Structure formats: C-alpha cells, structure tokens
C-alpha cells in the first residue's frame, strides 16, 4: 500500500519541497505545517476538524497543549486563544459527546449543509466500492430522491441535526446539493472519493468523520442497506 508523504496543509507541499521541517498541530497532532504563518492562515479551515479529532480522543480541550510540536523541537503558538466548544445542542451518546455531532452543530450553517451532503456522497461511493450496491447516481437514477430519503432519516435521529434545522433549512440544503445554490463542490450529481474529500478539506481524518455521520443517519454500516 503506498504511503502518503506528509505535507504542509496550507501550502500542500512536502518538507523536501519546502526545505523546512513540518510541525504538528499541538491539539490534534495530525495536521502539519511548515511555519507559524501557515498555521495562522489555515486555522479557520482546520478549527472544526481539530475539535472533532480532539473530542474523538476524549481529551478535554482546555487541557490540550497550545503549541504545535515536533520531535524534540519547540512548536508554534496556537492561533486561537479560545478553545472551540461543542454546541449546546450536541447530544450525549454513551455518556460522552459523540464527535459526529460536532460536524453538524458547529457554525457556520454552510458547513453543516456541506458535511451532510458530503457524508451522503461518500456513503453511496462506499456502497458502490465495498458492497457493489448502486444507489442514486450510481444506479443511473436522479440522485435527489435518495438524498431526500437520507435527509428524512437524519431528521428522524433525535438531536442529530442542529436546533435551527427546519423545512426552510432542508430546502436550502437540497438547493446546494442540486446546484441551485452555492458552488459546484457539494453537488450530488457528481461522484466523490476518499482522496477528493481529503484534498477538499485539507485533512486526512475527514473521510472517517463523514462516514460516522452517514452511519449514524442510516443506522447501519456499509453493505447493510
């Protein structure tokens, strides 16, 4: 299996290309940067994912080191003085916050729509690849009906969607998914693969998190639908 060369998430270049050592985010210890300037520039994009990863490890956010560490060397200062917090609407599962709710409750709302849509897109890709099951786009059918069924299931999962979710929000989500609103990235008419998700979000952990969202929506793993 080929290995992935670590890259600065802001510049998408390896240590060899940059001529500099990469340092890890001191919160999640997964995302790497070549400089403090790159960390600062990338923080708005990385912040929600960083919260998810830290929460998934059940580490109190206010106890996490505020530096980016590297082996035996000093790290960069964390760029945001306030720790990202889980939404009050996030639900408790098995006595602790479940990380997937973080994807669907952290503002802005455009992120919630995108995460919901991309979780669906990756799930039907996984069903095709791993279970040889054709759903929506992969069945050469209009994808909107299966996406609407997915949203209805999500609405039926108590506490999964944010408190502001309503019929108007659902229509906005459907408009983004069908290209009537927003950019072309989240359109359900286009297939998406794991590496596409990683490249778009700039984080290798995002496919796993989106898969957790979809599994919680459907209530069953890939191949069981």
Protein backbone atom coordinates (compact mmCIF):
# COMPACT_ATOMS: atom_id res chain seq x y z
CA UNK A 1 0.00 0.00 0.00
CA UNK A 2 1.54 3.38 -0.96
CA UNK A 3 2.33 5.81 1.81
CA UNK A 4 1.29 9.43 1.83
CA UNK A 5 4.07 11.97 2.15
CA UNK A 6 3.28 14.45 4.94
CA UNK A 7 2.60 17.92 3.57
CA UNK A 8 2.06 21.40 4.92
CA UNK A 9 -1.74 21.62 4.93
CA UNK A 10 -1.69 25.28 3.95
CA UNK A 11 0.74 25.03 1.05
CA UNK A 12 0.21 21.38 0.03
CA UNK A 13 3.96 20.84 -0.22
CA UNK A 14 6.23 18.29 1.42
CA UNK A 15 9.13 19.01 3.75
CA UNK A 16 11.58 18.27 0.93
CA UNK A 17 9.81 20.67 -1.42
CA UNK A 18 9.75 23.42 1.18
CA UNK A 19 13.19 22.82 2.62
CA UNK A 20 11.75 23.01 6.13
CA UNK A 21 10.72 20.57 8.85
CA UNK A 22 6.99 20.14 9.33
CA UNK A 23 5.48 20.55 12.79
CA UNK A 24 2.27 19.01 14.08
CA UNK A 25 -0.76 20.83 15.42
CA UNK A 26 -0.42 20.67 19.20
CA UNK A 27 -4.14 19.99 19.63
CA UNK A 28 -4.93 17.13 17.25
CA UNK A 29 -1.35 16.01 16.45
CA UNK A 30 -2.34 15.09 12.89
CA UNK A 31 -2.21 18.22 10.73
CA UNK A 32 1.21 19.57 9.80
CA UNK A 33 2.58 22.98 8.92
CA UNK A 34 5.91 24.37 7.77
CA UNK A 35 5.60 27.65 9.66
CA UNK A 36 3.52 29.59 12.13
CA UNK A 37 2.30 31.78 9.27
CA UNK A 38 0.85 28.73 7.53
CA UNK A 39 -0.81 27.60 10.74
CA UNK A 40 -2.42 31.02 11.17
CA UNK A 41 -3.64 31.08 7.56
CA UNK A 42 -5.09 27.56 7.73
CA UNK A 43 -6.63 27.76 11.22
CA UNK A 44 -10.16 28.85 10.11
CA UNK A 45 -10.40 25.73 7.93
CA UNK A 46 -8.71 23.41 10.41
CA UNK A 47 -10.51 24.56 13.56
CA UNK A 48 -13.73 22.47 13.18
CA UNK A 49 -11.80 19.33 12.22
CA UNK A 50 -9.31 19.87 15.03
CA UNK A 51 -12.19 19.96 17.51
CA UNK A 52 -13.62 16.73 16.14
CA UNK A 53 -10.32 14.86 16.37
CA UNK A 54 -9.60 16.05 19.90
CA UNK A 55 -13.16 15.27 21.02
CA UNK A 56 -12.93 11.81 19.47
CA UNK A 57 -9.92 11.11 21.66
CA UNK A 58 -11.89 12.29 24.70
CA UNK A 59 -9.27 14.88 25.59
CA UNK A 60 -10.55 17.97 27.46
CA UNK A 61 -9.98 20.84 25.05
CA UNK A 62 -8.85 23.23 27.77
CA UNK A 63 -6.10 20.82 28.80
CA UNK A 64 -4.58 20.33 25.38
CA UNK A 65 -1.13 21.77 24.75
CA UNK A 66 -1.33 25.13 22.99
CA UNK A 67 1.70 24.59 20.82
CA UNK A 68 2.46 22.76 17.61
CA UNK A 69 5.01 20.11 18.50
CA UNK A 70 7.77 18.45 16.57
CA UNK A 71 10.21 15.80 17.68
CA UNK A 72 12.43 17.47 20.22
CA UNK A 73 11.78 20.98 18.97
CA UNK A 74 9.64 23.89 20.07
CA UNK A 75 6.28 24.35 18.42
CA UNK A 76 4.29 27.30 17.20
CA UNK A 77 1.78 29.13 19.37
CA UNK A 78 -1.83 28.15 18.83
CA UNK A 79 -3.58 30.87 16.89
CA UNK A 80 -6.96 30.96 18.61
CA UNK A 81 -6.95 31.98 22.29
CA UNK A 82 -10.33 30.39 22.91
CA UNK A 83 -10.86 26.65 22.68
CA UNK A 84 -13.57 25.52 20.24
CA UNK A 85 -16.54 24.28 22.24
CA UNK A 86 -19.22 21.80 21.40
CA UNK A 87 -22.60 23.27 20.56
CA UNK A 88 -25.11 23.21 23.43
CA UNK A 89 -27.34 21.31 21.01
CA UNK A 90 -24.85 18.46 20.67
CA UNK A 91 -26.26 15.31 22.20
CA UNK A 92 -24.72 12.88 24.63
CA UNK A 93 -24.20 9.30 23.48
CA UNK A 94 -22.98 6.60 25.85
CA UNK A 95 -22.19 9.19 28.49
CA UNK A 96 -19.87 11.34 26.36
CA UNK A 97 -20.08 13.74 23.45
CA UNK A 98 -20.01 11.85 20.17
CA UNK A 99 -17.70 13.52 17.63
CA UNK A 100 -20.11 13.30 14.70
CA UNK A 101 -22.48 15.81 16.26
CA UNK A 102 -19.62 18.30 16.18
CA UNK A 103 -19.70 18.19 12.39
CA UNK A 104 -23.39 19.04 12.36
CA UNK A 105 -23.58 21.68 15.10
CA UNK A 106 -20.56 23.96 14.74
CA UNK A 107 -21.27 27.18 12.82
CA UNK A 108 -21.38 28.39 10.13
CA UNK A 109 -24.52 26.67 8.86
CA UNK A 110 -22.99 26.36 5.40
CA UNK A 111 -20.54 23.87 6.93
CA UNK A 112 -23.41 21.81 8.31
CA UNK A 113 -25.01 21.60 4.86
CA UNK A 114 -21.71 20.66 3.25
CA UNK A 115 -20.94 17.99 5.86
CA UNK A 116 -24.41 16.46 5.49
CA UNK A 117 -24.14 16.39 1.71
CA UNK A 118 -20.59 15.07 1.62
CA UNK A 119 -21.41 12.34 4.16
CA UNK A 120 -24.15 11.15 1.78
CA UNK A 121 -21.89 11.37 -1.27
CA UNK A 122 -19.11 9.38 0.37
CA UNK A 123 -21.57 6.79 1.71
CA UNK A 124 -23.04 5.97 -1.69
CA UNK A 125 -19.48 5.79 -3.08
CA UNK A 126 -18.59 3.32 -0.32
CA UNK A 127 -21.71 1.26 -1.01
CA UNK A 128 -20.66 1.02 -4.65
CA UNK A 129 -17.00 0.22 -3.97
CA UNK A 130 -17.28 -2.09 -0.97
CA UNK A 131 -20.76 -3.60 -1.30
CA UNK A 132 -21.33 -3.39 -5.06
CA UNK A 133 -24.61 -1.63 -4.35
CA UNK A 134 -25.82 1.09 -6.69
CA UNK A 135 -27.66 3.98 -5.06
CA UNK A 136 -28.78 7.26 -6.63
CA UNK A 137 -26.10 8.48 -9.02
CA UNK A 138 -24.51 5.03 -9.16
CA UNK A 139 -27.81 3.44 -10.18
CA UNK A 140 -28.01 5.96 -13.03
CA UNK A 141 -31.07 7.45 -11.40
CA UNK A 142 -31.80 11.06 -10.44
CA UNK A 143 -29.90 11.38 -7.14
CA UNK A 144 -32.34 13.73 -5.40
CA UNK A 145 -34.89 11.10 -4.26
CA UNK A 146 -32.27 9.02 -2.42
CA UNK A 147 -30.76 12.18 -0.93
CA UNK A 148 -34.19 13.25 0.31
CA UNK A 149 -34.64 9.85 1.97
CA UNK A 150 -31.26 10.36 3.62
CA UNK A 151 -32.31 13.77 4.95
CA UNK A 152 -35.58 12.34 6.25
CA UNK A 153 -33.64 9.68 8.15
CA UNK A 154 -31.35 12.38 9.59
CA UNK A 155 -34.38 14.37 10.72
CA UNK A 156 -35.65 11.27 12.49
CA UNK A 157 -32.46 10.89 14.54
CA UNK A 158 -33.18 12.80 17.72
CA UNK A 159 -30.59 15.51 18.37
CA UNK A 160 -28.51 14.78 15.29
CA UNK A 161 -29.38 17.95 13.39
CA UNK A 162 -28.91 21.45 14.85
CA UNK A 163 -31.73 23.31 16.60
CA UNK A 164 -32.15 25.74 13.70
CA UNK A 165 -32.97 22.93 11.26
CA UNK A 166 -36.45 23.35 9.76
CA UNK A 167 -38.20 22.90 6.38
CA UNK A 168 -36.55 26.07 5.08
CA UNK A 169 -33.10 24.79 6.08
CA UNK A 170 -33.82 21.47 4.43
CA UNK A 171 -34.77 23.20 1.18
CA UNK A 172 -31.55 25.22 1.33
CA UNK A 173 -29.58 22.02 1.81
CA UNK A 174 -31.33 20.41 -1.15
CA UNK A 175 -30.68 23.50 -3.27
CA UNK A 176 -26.95 23.30 -2.50
CA UNK A 177 -26.91 19.56 -3.21
CA UNK A 178 -28.58 20.02 -6.59
CA UNK A 179 -26.54 23.04 -7.67
CA UNK A 180 -29.33 25.58 -7.42
CA UNK A 181 -27.31 27.38 -4.76
CA UNK A 182 -23.66 27.57 -3.78
CA UNK A 183 -20.62 26.27 -5.65
CA UNK A 184 -20.20 23.03 -7.59
CA UNK A 185 -18.30 21.09 -4.91
CA UNK A 186 -21.23 19.65 -2.96
CA UNK A 187 -23.43 18.65 -5.87
CA UNK A 188 -24.83 15.13 -5.53
CA UNK A 189 -24.77 14.76 -9.32
CA UNK A 190 -21.01 14.23 -9.06
CA UNK A 191 -19.23 11.26 -7.51
CA UNK A 192 -16.68 11.81 -4.76
CA UNK A 193 -13.89 9.56 -3.49
CA UNK A 194 -11.92 9.46 -0.26
CA UNK A 195 -8.94 11.34 -1.67
CA UNK A 196 -11.26 14.07 -3.02
CA UNK A 197 -12.61 14.63 0.50
CA UNK A 198 -9.10 14.73 1.94
CA UNK A 199 -7.94 17.23 -0.66
CA UNK A 200 -11.01 19.46 -0.34
CA UNK A 201 -10.96 19.69 3.45
CA UNK A 202 -7.18 19.51 3.77
CA UNK A 203 -7.43 16.80 6.42
CA UNK A 204 -6.86 13.05 6.27
CA UNK A 205 -9.35 12.42 9.11
CA UNK A 206 -12.36 13.92 7.34
CA UNK A 207 -13.48 10.81 5.42
CA UNK A 208 -13.67 8.83 8.67
CA UNK A 209 -15.76 11.52 10.32
CA UNK A 210 -18.14 11.81 7.38
CA UNK A 211 -18.54 8.03 7.35
CA UNK A 212 -19.52 8.16 11.02
CA UNK A 213 -22.15 10.79 10.21
CA UNK A 214 -23.64 8.66 7.44
CA UNK A 215 -23.61 5.51 9.57
CA UNK A 216 -25.46 7.35 12.31
CA UNK A 217 -28.01 8.66 9.80
CA UNK A 218 -28.65 5.27 8.22
CA UNK A 219 -28.29 3.36 11.47
CA UNK A 220 -26.23 0.64 9.82
CA UNK A 221 -22.76 0.17 8.31
CA UNK A 222 -21.82 -0.02 4.64
CA UNK A 223 -23.18 -3.16 2.99
CA UNK A 224 -26.18 -3.48 5.32
CA UNK A 225 -28.61 -1.24 3.48
